[in-house]
Amino acid sequence: MISDETKRKLRELNLDEMVDILKIQGDDQPLYTTMTFDERITLAIDSLYQCKNNKRSNRLMKQARFRFADADVNSIYYANRGLDKNQIIELSTCQYMRNNYSVVLNGFTGSGKTFLACALGKAACRQLYRVRYIRVPELLELRAEAALQGKGISKLVSKFSNYHLLILDEWLLQELSDEDVRFIFELTEKRYDCHSTIFCTQYKVSDWHTRLGGGTVADAILDRIVHKSIRIDTGSMNMREHFSEKTLL
């Protein structure tokens, strides 16, 4: 049984979990009394490591501001959607992020793009990557507000370029001003070959150039996205209708 002074020191070191772990080990349980000191300390450190990582990943999930907080790779619906389950599982390992690839989720309204993106984002949080979800219209509102400040736009670009994974929902849904397009270029330039982005869009990549206003800036944005991206068609099934019908049955 550890002393109160030892407990105080552990808590002062922000190791509250270790107090609980050692208390469990201190109880008269056959599992621990038959273990060697090295085995017990290894088990205690492994438990502490897991507790700390769980707390950190939960904190990262909250900071990511996912639209669907309950999204999870294990709860993705695959039947009649044309999704490759093995591909989704592979993406959940975050290898594409380590290779600085992006993901384009293309599909009709309600086809589950956002849910899938949030599920992949949560998988990244579990591996302790910094993730942020945001709708592009909201991001452009932030750009407009930042334009009223001295160096507001450069600060905004820096902020969103530093996330390990950025999820841009409703990509190219609205018409863009020249200022919006230049902002998007700066953001994609900062993130290119350095961090990953998930684009959720109703438009095929072949339509992006026009949606970005055409011209050399649109060329530059596409060049920084399409050559290192994984494209997934989420299909035409309306998942909202599907699950509402199942609820009524």
Protein backbone atom coordinates (compact mmCIF):
# COMPACT_ATOMS: atom_id res chain seq x y z
CA MET A 1 0.00 0.00 0.00
CA ILE A 2 1.56 3.31 -1.06
CA SER A 3 1.69 6.13 1.48
CA ASP A 4 -0.32 9.33 1.33
CA GLU A 5 2.92 11.26 0.71
CA THR A 6 3.68 9.10 -2.33
CA LYS A 7 0.15 9.65 -3.61
CA ARG A 8 0.60 13.41 -3.18
CA LYS A 9 3.84 13.36 -5.15
CA LEU A 10 2.29 11.33 -7.95
CA ARG A 11 -0.65 13.72 -8.19
CA GLU A 12 1.74 16.68 -8.16
CA LEU A 13 3.44 15.07 -11.16
CA ASN A 14 0.02 14.78 -12.85
CA LEU A 15 0.10 10.99 -12.47
CA ASP A 16 -3.26 10.52 -10.79
CA GLU A 17 -3.84 7.39 -12.88
CA MET A 18 -0.77 5.76 -11.34
CA VAL A 19 -2.30 6.15 -7.89
CA ASP A 20 -5.32 4.11 -9.01
CA ILE A 21 -3.15 1.55 -10.79
CA LEU A 22 -0.93 0.99 -7.75
CA LYS A 23 -3.99 0.79 -5.51
CA ILE A 24 -5.39 -2.01 -7.66
CA GLN A 25 -2.06 -3.82 -7.58
CA GLY A 26 -1.85 -3.33 -3.81
CA ASP A 27 -5.09 -5.18 -3.25
CA ASP A 28 -4.71 -8.79 -2.24
CA GLN A 29 -5.34 -10.36 -5.64
CA PRO A 30 -3.68 -13.60 -6.81
CA LEU A 31 -3.03 -12.06 -10.23
CA TYR A 32 -0.58 -9.54 -8.80
CA THR A 33 0.88 -11.41 -5.82
CA THR A 34 2.26 -14.11 -8.11
CA MET A 35 3.92 -11.59 -10.46
CA THR A 36 7.54 -10.45 -10.20
CA PHE A 37 8.42 -6.82 -9.48
CA ASP A 38 9.49 -6.29 -13.10
CA GLU A 39 6.21 -7.72 -14.39
CA ARG A 40 4.16 -5.53 -12.06
CA ILE A 41 6.04 -2.31 -12.89
CA THR A 42 5.82 -3.09 -16.63
CA LEU A 43 2.06 -3.66 -16.31
CA ALA A 44 1.68 -0.44 -14.30
CA ILE A 45 3.59 1.61 -16.89
CA ASP A 46 1.63 0.07 -19.78
CA SER A 47 -1.64 0.88 -18.00
CA LEU A 48 -0.50 4.45 -17.31
CA TYR A 49 0.57 4.90 -20.93
CA GLN A 50 -2.82 3.67 -22.18
CA CYS A 51 -4.72 5.92 -19.77
CA LYS A 52 -2.73 8.99 -20.81
CA ASN A 53 -3.18 8.22 -24.51
CA ASN A 54 -6.92 7.67 -24.08
CA LYS A 55 -7.30 11.03 -22.36
CA ARG A 56 -5.23 12.78 -25.01
CA SER A 57 -7.14 11.20 -27.91
CA ASN A 58 -10.48 12.11 -26.28
CA ARG A 59 -9.26 15.68 -25.92
CA LEU A 60 -8.19 15.74 -29.59
CA MET A 61 -11.63 14.45 -30.62
CA LYS A 62 -13.33 17.31 -28.78
CA GLN A 63 -10.96 19.86 -30.28
CA ALA A 64 -11.62 18.48 -33.79
CA ARG A 65 -15.27 19.67 -33.62
CA PHE A 66 -16.61 16.77 -35.66
CA ARG A 67 -20.08 17.25 -37.05
CA PHE A 68 -20.88 13.64 -36.13
CA ALA A 69 -19.27 12.97 -32.76
CA ASP A 70 -20.50 9.35 -32.84
CA ALA A 71 -18.95 8.58 -36.24
CA ASP A 72 -16.71 5.54 -36.17
CA VAL A 73 -15.07 3.35 -38.81
CA ASN A 74 -16.61 0.27 -37.15
CA SER A 75 -20.14 1.62 -37.63
CA ILE A 76 -19.91 2.52 -41.34
CA TYR A 77 -22.73 1.01 -43.44
CA TYR A 78 -21.42 -0.70 -46.58
CA ALA A 79 -24.35 -2.57 -48.19
CA ASN A 80 -25.29 -1.34 -51.70
CA ARG A 81 -23.00 1.71 -51.47
CA GLY A 82 -20.06 0.53 -53.53
CA LEU A 83 -17.60 1.32 -50.75
CA ASP A 84 -14.50 -0.85 -50.48
CA LYS A 85 -14.40 -1.95 -46.84
CA ASN A 86 -10.74 -2.96 -47.05
CA GLN A 87 -9.86 0.46 -48.41
CA ILE A 88 -11.68 2.23 -45.57
CA ILE A 89 -9.97 0.01 -42.97
CA GLU A 90 -6.62 0.78 -44.60
CA LEU A 91 -7.38 4.52 -44.44
CA SER A 92 -8.21 4.17 -40.75
CA THR A 93 -4.57 3.15 -40.14
CA CYS A 94 -3.60 6.69 -41.25
CA GLN A 95 -0.85 5.47 -43.57
CA TYR A 96 -2.11 7.97 -46.17
CA MET A 97 -1.36 10.73 -43.66
CA ARG A 98 2.17 9.50 -43.11
CA ASN A 99 2.59 9.68 -46.90
CA ASN A 100 0.98 13.16 -46.98
CA TYR A 101 -1.85 12.04 -49.24
CA SER A 102 -5.29 13.63 -49.20
CA VAL A 103 -8.71 12.01 -49.64
CA VAL A 104 -11.55 13.19 -51.88
CA LEU A 105 -15.01 11.94 -50.88
CA ASN A 106 -17.40 12.56 -53.74
CA GLY A 107 -21.11 11.79 -53.67
CA PHE A 108 -24.65 13.10 -53.71
CA THR A 109 -26.28 14.93 -50.80
CA GLY A 110 -26.91 12.55 -47.92
CA SER A 111 -24.59 9.83 -49.25
CA GLY A 112 -22.58 9.74 -46.02
CA LYS A 113 -19.52 11.77 -47.00
CA THR A 114 -19.42 13.75 -43.77
CA PHE A 115 -19.96 10.70 -41.55
CA LEU A 116 -17.17 8.83 -43.31
CA ALA A 117 -14.84 11.84 -43.05
CA CYS A 118 -15.56 12.21 -39.33
CA ALA A 119 -14.97 8.48 -38.80
CA LEU A 120 -11.56 8.75 -40.48
CA GLY A 121 -10.85 11.89 -38.49
CA LYS A 122 -11.65 10.10 -35.24
CA ALA A 123 -9.33 7.24 -36.25
CA ALA A 124 -6.58 9.85 -36.70
CA CYS A 125 -7.29 11.30 -33.24
CA ARG A 126 -6.88 7.85 -31.74
CA GLN A 127 -3.39 7.84 -33.21
CA LEU A 128 -2.83 11.26 -31.59
CA TYR A 129 -2.96 13.37 -34.75
CA ARG A 130 -4.36 16.90 -34.52
CA VAL A 131 -7.56 17.04 -36.60
CA ARG A 132 -10.03 19.79 -37.43
CA TYR A 133 -13.40 19.53 -39.16
CA ILE A 134 -14.94 22.63 -40.70
CA ARG A 135 -17.48 23.47 -43.40
CA VAL A 136 -15.92 25.55 -46.18
CA PRO A 137 -18.66 28.24 -45.92
CA GLU A 138 -17.73 28.67 -42.24
CA LEU A 139 -14.03 28.79 -43.10
CA LEU A 140 -14.67 31.52 -45.67
CA GLU A 141 -16.65 33.48 -43.09
CA LEU A 142 -13.57 33.33 -40.87
CA ARG A 143 -11.52 34.57 -43.85
CA ALA A 144 -13.85 37.54 -44.33
CA GLU A 145 -13.58 38.42 -40.63
CA ALA A 146 -9.80 38.00 -40.70
CA ALA A 147 -9.55 40.36 -43.70
CA LEU A 148 -10.64 43.20 -41.40
CA GLN A 149 -7.55 42.69 -39.25
CA GLY A 150 -3.97 43.58 -40.04
CA LYS A 151 -2.42 40.15 -40.38
CA GLY A 152 -5.59 38.20 -39.77
CA ILE A 153 -5.58 36.15 -42.97
CA SER A 154 -1.96 35.02 -42.62
CA LYS A 155 -2.70 33.94 -39.04
CA LEU A 156 -5.80 32.06 -40.19
CA VAL A 157 -3.83 30.29 -42.94
CA SER A 158 -1.14 29.33 -40.42
CA LYS A 159 -3.71 28.02 -37.96
CA PHE A 160 -5.47 25.75 -40.47
CA SER A 161 -2.29 24.70 -42.24
CA ASN A 162 -0.87 23.20 -39.04
CA TYR A 163 -3.50 20.52 -38.44
CA HIS A 164 -2.22 17.05 -39.28
CA LEU A 165 -5.61 16.36 -40.88
CA LEU A 166 -8.04 19.02 -42.07
CA ILE A 167 -11.56 17.96 -43.07
CA LEU A 168 -13.15 20.44 -45.49
CA ASP A 169 -16.86 19.72 -45.79
CA GLU A 170 -19.12 21.22 -48.50
CA TRP A 171 -16.05 21.76 -50.68
CA LEU A 172 -16.84 24.10 -53.60
CA LEU A 173 -20.56 24.05 -52.77
CA GLN A 174 -20.87 27.83 -53.06
CA GLU A 175 -19.56 30.32 -55.59
CA LEU A 176 -16.19 31.77 -54.64
CA SER A 177 -14.89 35.30 -54.89
CA ASP A 178 -11.37 36.01 -56.14
CA GLU A 179 -10.34 36.61 -52.51
CA ASP A 180 -11.78 33.24 -51.49
CA VAL A 181 -9.86 31.46 -54.25
CA ARG A 182 -6.58 33.15 -53.29
CA PHE A 183 -7.15 32.16 -49.66
CA ILE A 184 -7.79 28.54 -50.68
CA PHE A 185 -4.61 28.60 -52.75
CA GLU A 186 -2.54 29.84 -49.80
CA LEU A 187 -4.03 27.15 -47.57
CA THR A 188 -3.47 24.32 -50.05
CA GLU A 189 0.06 25.57 -50.74
CA LYS A 190 0.91 25.54 -47.03
CA ARG A 191 -0.51 22.05 -46.55
CA TYR A 192 0.87 20.54 -49.76
CA ASP A 193 3.16 17.52 -49.26
CA CYS A 194 3.21 18.24 -45.55
CA HIS A 195 -0.24 17.41 -44.14
CA SER A 196 -3.38 15.61 -45.32
CA THR A 197 -6.81 17.00 -46.15
CA ILE A 198 -10.17 15.29 -46.62
CA PHE A 199 -12.44 17.01 -49.14
CA CYS A 200 -16.18 16.26 -48.96
CA THR A 201 -17.84 17.37 -52.18
CA GLN A 202 -20.79 16.87 -54.49
CA TYR A 203 -18.66 17.83 -57.49
CA LYS A 204 -16.35 15.57 -59.44
CA VAL A 205 -12.71 16.63 -59.69
CA SER A 206 -13.26 17.38 -63.39
CA ASP A 207 -15.64 20.18 -62.34
CA TRP A 208 -13.32 21.77 -59.80
CA HIS A 209 -11.40 23.98 -62.21
CA THR A 210 -14.57 25.81 -63.23
CA ARG A 211 -15.84 25.98 -59.63
CA LEU A 212 -12.52 27.60 -58.68
CA GLY A 213 -13.00 30.31 -61.29
CA GLY A 214 -10.65 28.89 -63.92
CA GLY A 215 -7.30 30.44 -64.70
CA THR A 216 -3.82 29.91 -63.31
CA VAL A 217 -4.79 30.03 -59.62
CA ALA A 218 -7.33 27.24 -60.15
CA ASP A 219 -4.61 25.29 -61.99
CA ALA A 220 -2.24 25.76 -59.05
CA ILE A 221 -4.84 24.62 -56.49
CA LEU A 222 -5.71 21.49 -58.47
CA ASP A 223 -2.04 20.69 -58.98
CA ARG A 224 -1.55 20.64 -55.20
CA ILE A 225 -4.53 18.36 -54.57
CA VAL A 226 -5.27 15.87 -57.32
CA HIS A 227 -1.83 14.32 -57.86
CA LYS A 228 -1.54 13.08 -54.27
CA SER A 229 -5.11 12.19 -53.42
CA ILE A 230 -7.20 9.08 -52.93
CA ARG A 231 -10.65 9.40 -54.50
CA ILE A 232 -13.69 7.62 -53.12
CA ASP A 233 -17.21 7.73 -54.56
CA THR A 234 -19.73 7.49 -51.72
CA GLY A 235 -22.52 6.71 -54.17
CA SER A 236 -26.06 8.00 -54.61
CA MET A 237 -27.87 6.24 -51.75
CA ASN A 238 -29.37 8.77 -49.34
CA MET A 239 -28.25 7.46 -45.96
CA ARG A 240 -30.62 9.75 -44.05
CA GLU A 241 -33.62 8.31 -45.90
CA HIS A 242 -32.27 4.77 -45.54
CA PHE A 243 -31.92 4.93 -41.78
CA SER A 244 -35.16 6.86 -41.25
CA GLU A 245 -37.02 4.14 -43.17
CA LYS A 246 -35.37 1.43 -41.06
CA THR A 247 -36.41 3.27 -37.91
CA LEU A 248 -40.05 3.32 -39.10
CA LEU A 249 -40.08 -0.42 -39.85
